[in-house]
Amino acid sequence: MTPPPGAGAAVRHPDAPAPGELLGSHYGQCFGCGADQAHGLHLEIRAGEGVDVTAEFRVRPVHQGAPGLAHGGVLSTALDETMGSLCWLMHTIMVTGRLETDFVRPVPVDTVLHLSATASAVQGRKVFTRATGRIGGPDGPVAVRAEALFIKVQVEHFTDHGRDEEIKAAMADPDQVRRARAFEVNP
């Protein structure tokens, strides 16, 4: 997933959240960041200095695959969600087009995985991203890494394809900010 020749740099929007600011959940039922999702990842993602973010994810027993170890699909989801949140810094809506994950070392249950993601390039509707998950701290050994290609979309991508019940509930939220954010991050 190397950006093609001529791809431009990802650009932080002037109105992006300030460095260090907690981005918060875009939708309460989101498996990645939603506070209302009982078995979700409950990621807390913070804006970085450029077009980058950091997050922490505590692997709980409900996230295990092999006994006592995180499920690989859950680790991929954590990286995908972290990379997807880069849209808030660019003020664009995007969805995952392709995701490649490398599993470097096992991640035990009760481990805090320190995640970081950056948008490396943009070409047309394509946004090229990469992320790492480290154990033992932000500078600890890499346990998992990923690269993803995100595709910029319009809000109709969600309203035309989502389930009516959830779309109507999100649209009925009296909080305009929450209503708009419900449709900002990858499905």
N, C-alpha and C. Protein backbone atom coordinates (compact mmCIF):
# COMPACT_ATOMS: atom_id res chain seq x y z
N MET A 1 0.82 -1.19 0.00
CA MET A 1 0.00 0.00 0.00
C MET A 1 0.86 1.24 0.00
N THR A 2 1.78 1.25 -0.89
CA THR A 2 2.65 2.40 -1.06
C THR A 2 1.92 3.48 -1.85
N PRO A 3 1.92 4.70 -1.36
CA PRO A 3 1.29 5.78 -2.12
C PRO A 3 1.94 5.89 -3.51
N PRO A 4 1.13 6.14 -4.54
CA PRO A 4 1.68 6.24 -5.89
C PRO A 4 2.50 7.52 -6.06
N PRO A 5 3.38 7.54 -7.05
CA PRO A 5 4.12 8.77 -7.33
C PRO A 5 3.14 9.92 -7.58
N GLY A 6 3.46 11.06 -7.05
CA GLY A 6 2.60 12.22 -7.22
C GLY A 6 1.54 12.38 -6.15
N ALA A 7 1.42 11.41 -5.24
CA ALA A 7 0.46 11.56 -4.14
C ALA A 7 0.92 12.71 -3.25
N GLY A 8 -0.04 13.46 -2.75
CA GLY A 8 0.29 14.60 -1.89
C GLY A 8 0.35 14.21 -0.43
N ALA A 9 0.91 15.09 0.36
CA ALA A 9 0.96 14.88 1.81
C ALA A 9 -0.44 15.05 2.39
N ALA A 10 -0.75 14.31 3.43
CA ALA A 10 -1.99 14.51 4.17
C ALA A 10 -1.88 15.86 4.89
N VAL A 11 -2.97 16.60 4.90
CA VAL A 11 -2.95 17.95 5.47
C VAL A 11 -3.93 18.04 6.63
N ARG A 12 -3.42 18.55 7.74
CA ARG A 12 -4.25 18.79 8.92
C ARG A 12 -5.14 20.00 8.65
N HIS A 13 -6.42 19.85 8.90
CA HIS A 13 -7.37 20.95 8.71
C HIS A 13 -7.13 22.02 9.77
N PRO A 14 -7.26 23.31 9.41
CA PRO A 14 -7.03 24.38 10.40
C PRO A 14 -7.94 24.29 11.62
N ASP A 15 -9.12 23.68 11.48
CA ASP A 15 -10.04 23.57 12.60
C ASP A 15 -9.97 22.20 13.29
N ALA A 16 -8.92 21.43 13.03
CA ALA A 16 -8.76 20.11 13.65
C ALA A 16 -8.62 20.26 15.15
N PRO A 17 -9.00 19.22 15.89
CA PRO A 17 -8.79 19.27 17.35
C PRO A 17 -7.33 19.56 17.68
N ALA A 18 -7.12 20.24 18.78
CA ALA A 18 -5.78 20.63 19.20
C ALA A 18 -4.96 19.40 19.59
N PRO A 19 -3.64 19.46 19.41
CA PRO A 19 -2.78 18.36 19.84
C PRO A 19 -3.04 18.01 21.30
N GLY A 20 -3.17 16.72 21.56
CA GLY A 20 -3.44 16.24 22.92
C GLY A 20 -4.92 16.15 23.26
N GLU A 21 -5.77 16.75 22.45
CA GLU A 21 -7.20 16.75 22.73
C GLU A 21 -7.80 15.36 22.51
N LEU A 22 -8.63 14.93 23.45
CA LEU A 22 -9.34 13.67 23.33
C LEU A 22 -10.42 13.82 22.27
N LEU A 23 -10.42 12.91 21.28
CA LEU A 23 -11.39 13.02 20.19
C LEU A 23 -12.78 12.59 20.61
N GLY A 24 -12.87 11.68 21.55
CA GLY A 24 -14.17 11.23 22.02
C GLY A 24 -14.81 10.26 21.05
N SER A 25 -15.89 9.66 21.48
CA SER A 25 -16.60 8.70 20.66
C SER A 25 -17.39 9.41 19.58
N HIS A 26 -17.39 8.85 18.38
CA HIS A 26 -18.21 9.44 17.32
C HIS A 26 -19.63 8.91 17.38
N TYR A 27 -19.81 7.73 17.98
CA TYR A 27 -21.13 7.11 18.05
C TYR A 27 -21.11 6.14 19.22
N GLY A 28 -22.07 6.23 20.10
CA GLY A 28 -22.08 5.44 21.32
C GLY A 28 -22.04 3.93 21.10
N GLN A 29 -22.59 3.45 19.98
CA GLN A 29 -22.62 2.01 19.71
C GLN A 29 -21.45 1.52 18.87
N CYS A 30 -20.51 2.40 18.55
CA CYS A 30 -19.34 1.98 17.76
C CYS A 30 -18.54 0.95 18.54
N PHE A 31 -18.21 -0.17 17.91
CA PHE A 31 -17.44 -1.21 18.57
C PHE A 31 -16.05 -0.72 18.96
N GLY A 32 -15.48 0.18 18.18
CA GLY A 32 -14.13 0.67 18.44
C GLY A 32 -14.05 1.70 19.55
N CYS A 33 -14.93 2.71 19.51
CA CYS A 33 -14.79 3.82 20.45
C CYS A 33 -16.04 4.11 21.29
N GLY A 34 -17.12 3.41 21.03
CA GLY A 34 -18.38 3.71 21.69
C GLY A 34 -18.43 3.32 23.15
N ALA A 35 -18.85 4.25 23.98
CA ALA A 35 -18.97 3.99 25.42
C ALA A 35 -20.16 3.10 25.73
N ASP A 36 -21.16 3.06 24.84
CA ASP A 36 -22.37 2.27 25.08
C ASP A 36 -22.24 0.83 24.61
N GLN A 37 -21.13 0.47 24.04
CA GLN A 37 -20.90 -0.88 23.49
C GLN A 37 -20.21 -1.73 24.56
N ALA A 38 -20.97 -2.59 25.22
CA ALA A 38 -20.47 -3.32 26.39
C ALA A 38 -19.17 -4.08 26.13
N HIS A 39 -19.05 -4.74 25.00
CA HIS A 39 -17.86 -5.54 24.72
C HIS A 39 -16.91 -4.85 23.75
N GLY A 40 -17.14 -3.58 23.52
CA GLY A 40 -16.31 -2.83 22.58
C GLY A 40 -14.91 -2.56 23.11
N LEU A 41 -14.14 -1.89 22.28
CA LEU A 41 -12.74 -1.61 22.62
C LEU A 41 -12.59 -0.39 23.51
N HIS A 42 -13.56 0.52 23.47
CA HIS A 42 -13.55 1.74 24.28
C HIS A 42 -12.26 2.54 24.10
N LEU A 43 -11.82 2.65 22.85
CA LEU A 43 -10.60 3.40 22.56
C LEU A 43 -10.75 4.86 22.94
N GLU A 44 -9.71 5.40 23.52
CA GLU A 44 -9.64 6.83 23.80
C GLU A 44 -8.53 7.37 22.91
N ILE A 45 -8.93 8.10 21.89
CA ILE A 45 -7.99 8.55 20.86
C ILE A 45 -7.73 10.04 21.03
N ARG A 46 -6.46 10.41 20.94
CA ARG A 46 -6.05 11.81 21.09
C ARG A 46 -5.38 12.31 19.82
N ALA A 47 -5.65 13.57 19.52
CA ALA A 47 -5.03 14.22 18.37
C ALA A 47 -3.54 14.40 18.61
N GLY A 48 -2.75 14.21 17.56
CA GLY A 48 -1.31 14.46 17.63
C GLY A 48 -0.98 15.83 17.08
N GLU A 49 0.29 16.04 16.83
CA GLU A 49 0.77 17.34 16.33
C GLU A 49 0.45 17.56 14.85
N GLY A 50 0.58 16.52 14.05
CA GLY A 50 0.35 16.63 12.61
C GLY A 50 -0.94 15.94 12.24
N VAL A 51 -0.87 15.07 11.24
CA VAL A 51 -2.03 14.24 10.89
C VAL A 51 -1.75 12.87 11.50
N ASP A 52 -1.77 12.84 12.83
CA ASP A 52 -1.48 11.64 13.58
C ASP A 52 -2.27 11.63 14.88
N VAL A 53 -2.48 10.44 15.40
CA VAL A 53 -3.22 10.25 16.64
C VAL A 53 -2.55 9.18 17.48
N THR A 54 -2.90 9.16 18.75
CA THR A 54 -2.48 8.09 19.66
C THR A 54 -3.71 7.59 20.40
N ALA A 55 -3.62 6.37 20.89
CA ALA A 55 -4.74 5.79 21.64
C ALA A 55 -4.19 4.71 22.57
N GLU A 56 -5.02 4.33 23.52
CA GLU A 56 -4.72 3.20 24.38
C GLU A 56 -5.90 2.25 24.36
N PHE A 57 -5.58 0.96 24.41
CA PHE A 57 -6.60 -0.08 24.40
C PHE A 57 -6.20 -1.16 25.39
N ARG A 58 -7.04 -1.38 26.40
CA ARG A 58 -6.79 -2.45 27.36
C ARG A 58 -7.50 -3.70 26.86
N VAL A 59 -6.74 -4.76 26.64
CA VAL A 59 -7.28 -6.03 26.19
C VAL A 59 -7.98 -6.69 27.37
N ARG A 60 -9.28 -6.88 27.23
CA ARG A 60 -10.08 -7.51 28.29
C ARG A 60 -10.36 -8.97 27.94
N PRO A 61 -10.80 -9.76 28.89
CA PRO A 61 -11.10 -11.17 28.62
C PRO A 61 -12.07 -11.38 27.45
N VAL A 62 -13.01 -10.45 27.23
CA VAL A 62 -13.96 -10.61 26.11
C VAL A 62 -13.28 -10.41 24.75
N HIS A 63 -12.03 -9.97 24.73
CA HIS A 63 -11.29 -9.72 23.49
C HIS A 63 -10.33 -10.86 23.14
N GLN A 64 -10.35 -11.96 23.89
CA GLN A 64 -9.35 -12.99 23.66
C GLN A 64 -9.76 -13.95 22.55
N GLY A 65 -8.73 -14.52 21.93
CA GLY A 65 -8.90 -15.58 20.94
C GLY A 65 -8.37 -16.85 21.57
N ALA A 66 -7.06 -17.06 21.48
CA ALA A 66 -6.44 -18.18 22.21
C ALA A 66 -6.51 -17.85 23.70
N PRO A 67 -6.50 -18.86 24.56
CA PRO A 67 -6.61 -18.60 25.99
C PRO A 67 -5.57 -17.60 26.49
N GLY A 68 -6.07 -16.51 27.05
CA GLY A 68 -5.21 -15.50 27.65
C GLY A 68 -4.56 -14.53 26.68
N LEU A 69 -4.88 -14.63 25.39
CA LEU A 69 -4.27 -13.74 24.38
C LEU A 69 -5.34 -13.03 23.56
N ALA A 70 -5.01 -11.81 23.14
CA ALA A 70 -5.93 -11.02 22.32
C ALA A 70 -6.21 -11.72 21.00
N HIS A 71 -7.43 -11.63 20.53
CA HIS A 71 -7.82 -12.14 19.22
C HIS A 71 -7.24 -11.24 18.14
N GLY A 72 -6.66 -11.82 17.10
CA GLY A 72 -6.05 -11.04 16.03
C GLY A 72 -7.03 -10.09 15.35
N GLY A 73 -8.26 -10.52 15.18
CA GLY A 73 -9.26 -9.65 14.55
C GLY A 73 -9.57 -8.43 15.40
N VAL A 74 -9.55 -8.60 16.72
CA VAL A 74 -9.78 -7.48 17.62
C VAL A 74 -8.60 -6.50 17.53
N LEU A 75 -7.38 -7.02 17.44
CA LEU A 75 -6.21 -6.14 17.29
C LEU A 75 -6.28 -5.38 15.97
N SER A 76 -6.70 -6.05 14.91
CA SER A 76 -6.87 -5.37 13.61
C SER A 76 -7.92 -4.27 13.71
N THR A 77 -8.99 -4.57 14.43
CA THR A 77 -10.05 -3.58 14.62
C THR A 77 -9.54 -2.36 15.37
N ALA A 78 -8.72 -2.57 16.39
CA ALA A 78 -8.17 -1.45 17.16
C ALA A 78 -7.32 -0.56 16.26
N LEU A 79 -6.50 -1.16 15.41
CA LEU A 79 -5.67 -0.37 14.49
C LEU A 79 -6.54 0.33 13.45
N ASP A 80 -7.54 -0.37 12.92
CA ASP A 80 -8.45 0.20 11.93
C ASP A 80 -9.18 1.42 12.50
N GLU A 81 -9.70 1.28 13.69
CA GLU A 81 -10.41 2.40 14.33
C GLU A 81 -9.49 3.58 14.58
N THR A 82 -8.28 3.29 15.00
CA THR A 82 -7.31 4.37 15.26
C THR A 82 -6.98 5.10 13.96
N MET A 83 -6.71 4.36 12.89
CA MET A 83 -6.43 5.00 11.60
C MET A 83 -7.66 5.73 11.08
N GLY A 84 -8.83 5.16 11.27
CA GLY A 84 -10.06 5.81 10.81
C GLY A 84 -10.31 7.15 11.48
N SER A 85 -9.84 7.30 12.70
CA SER A 85 -10.06 8.56 13.42
C SER A 85 -9.24 9.71 12.85
N LEU A 86 -8.29 9.42 11.98
CA LEU A 86 -7.51 10.48 11.34
C LEU A 86 -8.41 11.42 10.53
N CYS A 87 -9.59 10.94 10.15
CA CYS A 87 -10.52 11.77 9.38
C CYS A 87 -10.89 13.04 10.15
N TRP A 88 -10.91 12.97 11.49
CA TRP A 88 -11.27 14.14 12.28
C TRP A 88 -10.23 15.24 12.15
N LEU A 89 -8.99 14.85 11.91
CA LEU A 89 -7.93 15.84 11.76
C LEU A 89 -7.92 16.46 10.37
N MET A 90 -8.46 15.73 9.39
CA MET A 90 -8.49 16.21 8.01
C MET A 90 -9.86 16.78 7.64
N HIS A 91 -10.84 16.63 8.54
CA HIS A 91 -12.21 17.07 8.29
C HIS A 91 -12.76 16.45 7.01
N THR A 92 -12.68 15.13 6.95
CA THR A 92 -13.23 14.40 5.82
C THR A 92 -13.91 13.15 6.35
N ILE A 93 -14.80 12.58 5.57
CA ILE A 93 -15.45 11.33 5.92
C ILE A 93 -14.79 10.26 5.07
N MET A 94 -14.39 9.15 5.68
CA MET A 94 -13.73 8.10 4.92
C MET A 94 -14.04 6.73 5.50
N VAL A 95 -13.91 5.71 4.66
CA VAL A 95 -14.15 4.34 5.06
C VAL A 95 -12.93 3.49 4.67
N THR A 96 -12.78 2.38 5.35
CA THR A 96 -11.67 1.48 5.07
C THR A 96 -11.89 0.80 3.72
N GLY A 97 -10.90 0.91 2.84
CA GLY A 97 -10.94 0.22 1.56
C GLY A 97 -10.12 -1.06 1.59
N ARG A 98 -9.01 -1.01 2.29
CA ARG A 98 -8.12 -2.17 2.41
C ARG A 98 -7.33 -2.03 3.71
N LEU A 99 -7.12 -3.16 4.37
CA LEU A 99 -6.40 -3.18 5.63
C LEU A 99 -5.47 -4.38 5.64
N GLU A 100 -4.18 -4.13 5.89
CA GLU A 100 -3.20 -5.21 6.02
C GLU A 100 -2.59 -5.13 7.41
N THR A 101 -2.61 -6.24 8.13
CA THR A 101 -2.11 -6.27 9.50
C THR A 101 -0.99 -7.29 9.64
N ASP A 102 0.07 -6.89 10.33
CA ASP A 102 1.17 -7.79 10.66
C ASP A 102 1.16 -8.01 12.18
N PHE A 103 1.12 -9.26 12.57
CA PHE A 103 1.13 -9.61 13.98
C PHE A 103 2.55 -10.00 14.35
N VAL A 104 3.18 -9.19 15.17
CA VAL A 104 4.61 -9.35 15.47
C VAL A 104 4.84 -10.18 16.72
N ARG A 105 4.02 -9.99 17.75
CA ARG A 105 4.16 -10.75 18.99
C ARG A 105 2.79 -10.88 19.65
N PRO A 106 2.58 -11.91 20.46
CA PRO A 106 1.30 -12.08 21.15
C PRO A 106 1.02 -10.93 22.13
N VAL A 107 -0.25 -10.63 22.29
CA VAL A 107 -0.68 -9.58 23.21
C VAL A 107 -1.57 -10.22 24.28
N PRO A 108 -1.06 -10.34 25.51
CA PRO A 108 -1.83 -10.99 26.58
C PRO A 108 -3.04 -10.16 27.02
N VAL A 109 -4.05 -10.87 27.52
CA VAL A 109 -5.20 -10.22 28.16
C VAL A 109 -4.68 -9.36 29.31
N ASP A 110 -5.30 -8.24 29.55
CA ASP A 110 -4.97 -7.24 30.56
C ASP A 110 -3.78 -6.36 30.17
N THR A 111 -3.28 -6.53 28.96
CA THR A 111 -2.22 -5.66 28.45
C THR A 111 -2.85 -4.36 27.95
N VAL A 112 -2.16 -3.26 28.17
CA VAL A 112 -2.55 -2.00 27.55
C VAL A 112 -1.74 -1.88 26.26
N LEU A 113 -2.43 -1.79 25.15
CA LEU A 113 -1.79 -1.64 23.85
C LEU A 113 -1.74 -0.15 23.53
N HIS A 114 -0.56 0.36 23.28
CA HIS A 114 -0.36 1.78 22.96
C HIS A 114 -0.34 1.91 21.44
N LEU A 115 -1.34 2.60 20.92
CA LEU A 115 -1.55 2.71 19.48
C LEU A 115 -1.13 4.08 18.97
N SER A 116 -0.60 4.11 17.78
CA SER A 116 -0.33 5.38 17.10
C SER A 116 -0.64 5.18 15.62
N ALA A 117 -1.14 6.23 14.99
CA ALA A 117 -1.49 6.17 13.56
C ALA A 117 -1.19 7.49 12.90
N THR A 118 -0.88 7.42 11.62
CA THR A 118 -0.61 8.62 10.84
C THR A 118 -1.14 8.44 9.43
N ALA A 119 -1.53 9.55 8.84
CA ALA A 119 -1.90 9.56 7.41
C ALA A 119 -0.65 10.00 6.66
N SER A 120 -0.18 9.14 5.77
CA SER A 120 1.09 9.41 5.09
C SER A 120 0.92 10.13 3.77
N ALA A 121 -0.20 9.92 3.07
CA ALA A 121 -0.38 10.55 1.76
C ALA A 121 -1.85 10.54 1.36
N VAL A 122 -2.17 11.40 0.40
CA VAL A 122 -3.52 11.49 -0.16
C VAL A 122 -3.40 11.62 -1.67
N GLN A 123 -4.24 10.86 -2.38
CA GLN A 123 -4.34 11.02 -3.83
C GLN A 123 -5.81 10.89 -4.20
N GLY A 124 -6.40 11.99 -4.64
CA GLY A 124 -7.82 11.97 -4.96
C GLY A 124 -8.63 11.60 -3.74
N ARG A 125 -9.44 10.55 -3.87
CA ARG A 125 -10.26 10.09 -2.75
C ARG A 125 -9.52 9.12 -1.83
N LYS A 126 -8.30 8.73 -2.19
CA LYS A 126 -7.54 7.74 -1.42
C LYS A 126 -6.70 8.40 -0.34
N VAL A 127 -6.77 7.84 0.88
CA VAL A 127 -5.95 8.30 2.01
C VAL A 127 -5.14 7.09 2.48
N PHE A 128 -3.82 7.22 2.47
CA PHE A 128 -2.91 6.15 2.85
C PHE A 128 -2.50 6.35 4.32
N THR A 129 -2.67 5.29 5.12
CA THR A 129 -2.42 5.40 6.56
C THR A 129 -1.58 4.21 7.04
N ARG A 130 -1.00 4.38 8.24
CA ARG A 130 -0.29 3.27 8.88
C ARG A 130 -0.42 3.45 10.40
N ALA A 131 -0.27 2.33 11.09
CA ALA A 131 -0.43 2.36 12.56
C ALA A 131 0.43 1.27 13.19
N THR A 132 0.74 1.48 14.47
CA THR A 132 1.44 0.47 15.26
C THR A 132 0.76 0.33 16.61
N GLY A 133 0.91 -0.85 17.19
CA GLY A 133 0.46 -1.13 18.55
C GLY A 133 1.64 -1.67 19.33
N ARG A 134 1.95 -1.03 20.44
CA ARG A 134 3.12 -1.40 21.25
C ARG A 134 2.67 -1.82 22.65
N ILE A 135 3.41 -2.73 23.22
CA ILE A 135 3.12 -3.16 24.59
C ILE A 135 4.18 -2.60 25.53
N GLY A 136 3.79 -2.36 26.77
CA GLY A 136 4.74 -1.86 27.76
C GLY A 136 4.95 -0.36 27.74
N GLY A 137 4.29 0.37 26.85
CA GLY A 137 4.43 1.82 26.78
C GLY A 137 4.51 2.29 25.34
N PRO A 138 4.40 3.59 25.12
CA PRO A 138 4.42 4.14 23.75
C PRO A 138 5.71 3.85 22.99
N ASP A 139 6.80 3.59 23.71
CA ASP A 139 8.07 3.26 23.07
C ASP A 139 8.43 1.79 23.22
N GLY A 140 7.49 0.98 23.70
CA GLY A 140 7.74 -0.44 23.91
C GLY A 140 7.83 -1.20 22.60
N PRO A 141 8.04 -2.50 22.71
CA PRO A 141 8.16 -3.31 21.51
C PRO A 141 6.86 -3.35 20.70
N VAL A 142 7.01 -3.37 19.37
CA VAL A 142 5.86 -3.44 18.48
C VAL A 142 5.24 -4.83 18.58
N ALA A 143 3.94 -4.88 18.81
CA ALA A 143 3.22 -6.15 18.86
C ALA A 143 2.40 -6.36 17.58
N VAL A 144 1.91 -5.27 17.01
CA VAL A 144 1.07 -5.35 15.83
C VAL A 144 1.22 -4.05 15.04
N ARG A 145 1.16 -4.16 13.72
CA ARG A 145 1.22 -2.96 12.88
C ARG A 145 0.32 -3.17 11.68
N ALA A 146 -0.10 -2.07 11.08
CA ALA A 146 -1.00 -2.17 9.94
C ALA A 146 -0.81 -0.99 9.00
N GLU A 147 -1.21 -1.23 7.77
CA GLU A 147 -1.34 -0.18 6.77
C GLU A 147 -2.74 -0.29 6.22
N ALA A 148 -3.33 0.85 5.89
CA ALA A 148 -4.68 0.83 5.35
C ALA A 148 -4.84 1.90 4.29
N LEU A 149 -5.72 1.59 3.36
CA LEU A 149 -6.14 2.54 2.35
C LEU A 149 -7.58 2.91 2.70
N PHE A 150 -7.81 4.19 2.97
CA PHE A 150 -9.15 4.68 3.23
C PHE A 150 -9.64 5.43 2.00
N ILE A 151 -10.95 5.41 1.80
CA ILE A 151 -11.58 6.07 0.67
C ILE A 151 -12.52 7.15 1.20
N LYS A 152 -12.34 8.37 0.70
CA LYS A 152 -13.23 9.47 1.09
C LYS A 152 -14.62 9.23 0.50
N VAL A 153 -15.64 9.42 1.33
CA VAL A 153 -17.04 9.23 0.90
C VAL A 153 -17.88 10.41 1.39
N GLN A 154 -19.10 10.45 0.93
CA GLN A 154 -20.08 11.42 1.40
C GLN A 154 -20.94 10.76 2.47
N VAL A 155 -21.67 11.53 3.25
CA VAL A 155 -22.49 11.00 4.34
C VAL A 155 -23.54 10.01 3.81
N GLU A 156 -23.92 10.15 2.55
CA GLU A 156 -24.92 9.24 1.97
C GLU A 156 -24.43 7.78 1.97
N HIS A 157 -23.14 7.60 2.01
CA HIS A 157 -22.60 6.24 2.11
C HIS A 157 -23.22 5.52 3.31
N PHE A 158 -23.39 6.23 4.40
CA PHE A 158 -23.94 5.66 5.62
C PHE A 158 -25.46 5.66 5.62
N THR A 159 -26.05 6.79 5.23
CA THR A 159 -27.51 6.89 5.28
C THR A 159 -28.18 6.00 4.24
N ASP A 160 -27.53 5.75 3.10
CA ASP A 160 -28.10 4.89 2.07
C ASP A 160 -27.92 3.40 2.37
N HIS A 161 -26.93 3.05 3.17
CA HIS A 161 -26.61 1.64 3.37
C HIS A 161 -26.81 1.15 4.80
N GLY A 162 -26.93 2.05 5.77
CA GLY A 162 -27.10 1.65 7.16
C GLY A 162 -28.52 1.17 7.43
N ARG A 163 -28.70 0.52 8.56
CA ARG A 163 -30.03 0.06 8.95
C ARG A 163 -30.88 1.24 9.36
N ASP A 164 -32.11 1.29 8.88
CA ASP A 164 -33.01 2.43 9.13
C ASP A 164 -33.14 2.76 10.61
N GLU A 165 -33.25 1.74 11.46
CA GLU A 165 -33.47 1.96 12.89
C GLU A 165 -32.34 2.80 13.49
N GLU A 166 -31.09 2.44 13.20
CA GLU A 166 -29.96 3.17 13.76
C GLU A 166 -29.79 4.54 13.10
N ILE A 167 -30.04 4.62 11.79
CA ILE A 167 -29.94 5.90 11.08
C ILE A 167 -30.94 6.89 11.68
N LYS A 168 -32.19 6.46 11.85
CA LYS A 168 -33.23 7.33 12.41
C LYS A 168 -32.88 7.76 13.84
N ALA A 169 -32.37 6.83 14.64
CA ALA A 169 -32.00 7.16 16.02
C ALA A 169 -30.88 8.19 16.05
N ALA A 170 -29.87 8.01 15.20
CA ALA A 170 -28.76 8.97 15.16
C ALA A 170 -29.24 10.33 14.67
N MET A 171 -30.10 10.34 13.67
CA MET A 171 -30.60 11.60 13.12
C MET A 171 -31.55 12.31 14.08
N ALA A 172 -32.17 11.58 15.00
CA ALA A 172 -33.11 12.17 15.95
C ALA A 172 -32.40 12.76 17.17
N ASP A 173 -31.11 12.53 17.30
CA ASP A 173 -30.36 13.07 18.45
C ASP A 173 -30.44 14.59 18.41
N PRO A 174 -30.90 15.22 19.49
CA PRO A 174 -31.01 16.69 19.49
C PRO A 174 -29.65 17.40 19.50
N ASP A 175 -28.60 16.68 19.86
CA ASP A 175 -27.26 17.27 19.88
C ASP A 175 -26.70 17.25 18.45
N GLN A 176 -26.62 18.42 17.83
CA GLN A 176 -26.18 18.50 16.43
C GLN A 176 -24.77 17.96 16.22
N VAL A 177 -23.89 18.18 17.17
CA VAL A 177 -22.52 17.69 17.03
C VAL A 177 -22.49 16.17 17.04
N ARG A 178 -23.17 15.56 18.01
CA ARG A 178 -23.22 14.09 18.07
C ARG A 178 -23.90 13.53 16.84
N ARG A 179 -24.94 14.18 16.37
CA ARG A 179 -25.66 13.72 15.18
C ARG A 179 -24.73 13.69 13.97
N ALA A 180 -23.94 14.73 13.78
CA ALA A 180 -23.01 14.78 12.65
C ALA A 180 -21.87 13.77 12.83
N ARG A 181 -21.36 13.65 14.04
CA ARG A 181 -20.21 12.76 14.29
C ARG A 181 -20.56 11.29 14.11
N ALA A 182 -21.84 10.94 14.26
CA ALA A 182 -22.26 9.54 14.14
C ALA A 182 -21.87 8.96 12.78
N PHE A 183 -21.72 9.83 11.78
CA PHE A 183 -21.46 9.37 10.42
C PHE A 183 -20.06 9.70 9.93
N GLU A 184 -19.13 9.99 10.84
CA GLU A 184 -17.82 10.46 10.43
C GLU A 184 -16.73 9.42 10.32
N VAL A 185 -16.90 8.27 10.93
CA VAL A 185 -15.79 7.31 10.99
C VAL A 185 -16.17 6.03 10.26
N ASN A 186 -15.18 5.31 9.81
CA ASN A 186 -15.38 4.10 9.02
C ASN A 186 -16.37 3.13 9.66
N PRO A 187 -17.11 2.40 8.81
CA PRO A 187 -18.12 1.48 9.34
C PRO A 187 -17.47 0.25 9.96
